[in-house]
C-alpha cells in the first residue's frame, strides 16, 4: 500500500488544559453537538495546503462530492483481504480524478486543503478506510476500519 501522503505525521493539538487530541482512529476526546463523546473516524495527517495526495492502492474512484463537514472529498474503492473497501480523503483543495476512473497505486489524485469544517484549522488531510463509499458525518467509527490495520502503527508518529 502506498501512503496517502509522502510525509505521514498525525497532527496533535490540545483542546483542554489536560486533554491531548491525537487525531487517530477511535480517539474519543471529541464531542458531538450535544456534548456527548464521539470517536474519531480516521486519521488527521499534517499537510500544508496544496500537498499532493496519492491513491493508496490500485482501484476505482467511486465517488467525488462536496460536503459542509468534509469539504471536497474523494472516495477510492480497492480490494483489501478479498473485500472492496474505500479510502476516503477529505478537506481537499483540488481533485485530479473523476468518478469511475481507474487509478494505480501511488498515482497523484488531488491536493490537500482546508475545505469543509477544516476551514480555520491547522491544515490537514482527514483520511479514513470505509466499508462503503458514503457515510454521513457523526457516526464515529461505525462503518470504518482503523487505517493502522492496513498501514501499521509505524506510520502513526505522534
Protein backbone atom coordinates (compact mmCIF):
# COMPACT_ATOMS: atom_id res chain seq x y z
CA UNK A 1 0.00 0.00 0.00
CA UNK A 2 1.17 3.49 -0.82
CA UNK A 3 0.63 6.08 1.94
CA UNK A 4 -1.87 8.86 1.14
CA UNK A 5 0.86 11.48 1.75
CA UNK A 6 4.62 11.35 1.23
CA UNK A 7 5.12 12.50 4.83
CA UNK A 8 2.84 10.69 7.28
CA UNK A 9 2.50 12.54 10.57
CA UNK A 10 -0.61 12.54 12.75
CA UNK A 11 -1.41 16.09 13.79
CA UNK A 12 -1.69 16.72 17.51
CA UNK A 13 -3.30 19.53 19.38
CA UNK A 14 -4.53 20.36 22.86
CA UNK A 15 -8.22 21.11 23.27
CA UNK A 16 -8.29 21.50 27.05
CA UNK A 17 -5.54 22.08 29.57
CA UNK A 18 -5.08 18.35 30.21
CA UNK A 19 -6.60 16.68 27.13
CA UNK A 20 -4.41 15.96 24.12
CA UNK A 21 -6.30 15.31 20.91
CA UNK A 22 -4.20 12.93 18.84
CA UNK A 23 -6.44 12.69 15.77
CA UNK A 24 -6.17 8.93 15.45
CA UNK A 25 -8.86 6.34 14.83
CA UNK A 26 -11.05 5.86 17.89
CA UNK A 27 -9.76 8.84 19.88
CA UNK A 28 -12.86 9.80 21.88
CA UNK A 29 -12.00 13.17 23.40
CA UNK A 30 -14.20 14.84 20.77
CA UNK A 31 -17.84 15.62 21.45
CA UNK A 32 -20.88 15.88 19.22
CA UNK A 33 -23.19 18.91 19.08
CA UNK A 34 -24.90 17.71 22.30
CA UNK A 35 -21.69 17.34 24.29
CA UNK A 36 -21.63 13.52 24.07
CA UNK A 37 -18.25 11.86 23.48
CA UNK A 38 -17.68 10.54 19.98
CA UNK A 39 -14.86 8.61 18.39
CA UNK A 40 -12.66 9.96 15.62
CA UNK A 41 -13.34 8.08 12.38
CA UNK A 42 -9.87 8.13 10.84
CA UNK A 43 -6.52 9.89 10.87
CA UNK A 44 -5.85 13.63 10.61
CA UNK A 45 -2.48 13.96 8.89
CA UNK A 46 -0.44 17.16 8.98
CA UNK A 47 -0.18 18.65 5.50
CA UNK A 48 0.22 22.16 4.17
CA UNK A 49 -2.49 23.31 1.76
CA UNK A 50 -1.59 22.09 -1.72
CA UNK A 51 0.28 18.94 -0.64
CA UNK A 52 -0.11 16.05 -3.12
CA UNK A 53 -2.30 13.10 -2.09
CA UNK A 54 -1.92 9.64 -3.58
CA UNK A 55 -4.01 6.57 -4.30
CA UNK A 56 -3.15 4.11 -1.56
CA UNK A 57 -3.96 1.18 -3.85
CA UNK A 58 -4.96 0.48 -7.43
CA UNK A 59 -8.71 0.76 -7.77
CA UNK A 60 -11.59 2.89 -9.00
CA UNK A 61 -12.75 6.34 -7.94
CA UNK A 62 -16.18 5.53 -6.55
CA UNK A 63 -17.41 8.97 -5.65
CA UNK A 64 -16.50 12.67 -5.53
CA UNK A 65 -18.57 15.15 -3.60
CA UNK A 66 -18.57 18.37 -1.63
CA UNK A 67 -19.71 18.28 1.99
CA UNK A 68 -20.27 21.01 4.56
CA UNK A 69 -18.37 18.82 7.06
CA UNK A 70 -15.70 17.11 4.95
CA UNK A 71 -15.30 19.72 2.19
CA UNK A 72 -14.05 18.38 -1.14
CA UNK A 73 -13.88 14.58 -0.92
CA UNK A 74 -12.52 11.62 -2.90
CA UNK A 75 -13.60 8.01 -2.27
CA UNK A 76 -11.39 5.31 -3.82
CA UNK A 77 -12.61 1.70 -3.94
CA UNK A 78 -9.95 -1.01 -3.78
CA UNK A 79 -9.56 -4.65 -2.80
CA UNK A 80 -8.29 -5.50 0.68
CA UNK A 81 -8.30 -9.05 2.05
CA UNK A 82 -10.82 -10.12 -0.58
CA UNK A 83 -13.25 -7.27 0.14
CA UNK A 84 -13.86 -3.97 -1.63
CA UNK A 85 -13.21 -1.13 0.83
CA UNK A 86 -12.88 2.62 0.32
CA UNK A 87 -10.12 5.09 1.04
CA UNK A 88 -11.72 8.40 1.98
CA UNK A 89 -9.78 11.67 1.54
CA UNK A 90 -11.34 14.88 2.93
CA UNK A 91 -10.78 18.67 3.14
CA UNK A 92 -9.16 18.78 -0.32
CA UNK A 93 -8.40 21.87 -2.38
CA UNK A 94 -8.23 20.05 -5.73
CA UNK A 95 -9.17 16.69 -7.28
CA UNK A 96 -7.42 15.33 -10.38
CA UNK A 97 -9.74 12.36 -10.91
CA UNK A 98 -13.34 11.70 -11.92
CA UNK A 99 -15.94 9.19 -10.74
CA UNK A 100 -15.40 5.80 -12.39
CA UNK A 101 -11.76 6.49 -13.23
CA UNK A 102 -9.30 3.63 -12.66
CA UNK A 103 -6.15 4.69 -10.79
CA UNK A 104 -2.90 2.96 -9.95
CA UNK A 105 -1.33 2.69 -6.51
CA UNK A 106 0.80 5.78 -5.86
CA UNK A 107 -0.94 7.90 -8.53
CA UNK A 108 -1.39 11.56 -7.58
CA UNK A 109 -5.16 12.13 -7.23
CA UNK A 110 -5.53 15.53 -5.57
CA UNK A 111 -4.23 18.23 -3.23
CA UNK A 112 -4.82 18.86 0.45
CA UNK A 113 -6.80 21.90 1.52
CA UNK A 114 -8.88 23.25 4.36
CA UNK A 115 -12.40 22.86 2.96
CA UNK A 116 -15.48 21.91 4.98
CA UNK A 117 -15.17 22.18 8.75
CA UNK A 118 -11.36 22.30 8.47
CA UNK A 119 -11.56 25.95 7.41
CA UNK A 120 -9.68 27.98 10.00
CA UNK A 121 -7.99 24.89 11.48
CA UNK A 122 -4.40 23.76 11.13
CA UNK A 123 -4.22 22.33 7.57
CA UNK A 124 -4.52 18.56 7.37
CA UNK A 125 -5.80 15.60 5.40
CA UNK A 126 -8.63 13.69 7.04
CA UNK A 127 -8.16 10.07 5.92
CA UNK A 128 -10.37 7.04 6.56
CA UNK A 129 -10.88 3.48 5.39
CA UNK A 130 -14.59 2.64 5.00
CA UNK A 131 -16.71 -0.39 4.22
CA UNK A 132 -18.97 1.70 1.96
CA UNK A 133 -18.16 4.73 -0.20
CA UNK A 134 -20.60 7.11 1.50
CA UNK A 135 -21.39 7.52 5.20
CA UNK A 136 -22.98 10.57 6.78
CA UNK A 137 -20.90 12.52 9.31
CA UNK A 138 -21.40 11.91 13.01
CA UNK A 139 -21.24 8.09 13.08
CA UNK A 140 -17.86 7.90 14.82
CA UNK A 141 -16.04 4.70 13.89
CA UNK A 142 -19.18 2.92 12.64
CA UNK A 143 -18.62 1.55 9.12
CA UNK A 144 -14.89 2.29 9.24
CA UNK A 145 -11.63 0.33 9.62
CA UNK A 146 -8.66 1.62 11.60
CA UNK A 147 -6.09 2.72 8.95
CA UNK A 148 -3.39 1.24 11.23
CA UNK A 149 -4.64 -2.24 10.27
CA UNK A 150 -3.59 -1.51 6.69
CA UNK A 151 -0.58 0.75 7.18
CA UNK A 152 0.65 -0.41 10.58
CA UNK A 153 1.29 1.60 13.70
CA UNK A 154 4.76 2.52 12.49
CA UNK A 155 3.23 5.29 10.37
CA UNK A 156 1.50 6.90 13.33
CA UNK A 157 4.02 9.46 14.52
CA UNK A 158 2.57 11.44 17.42
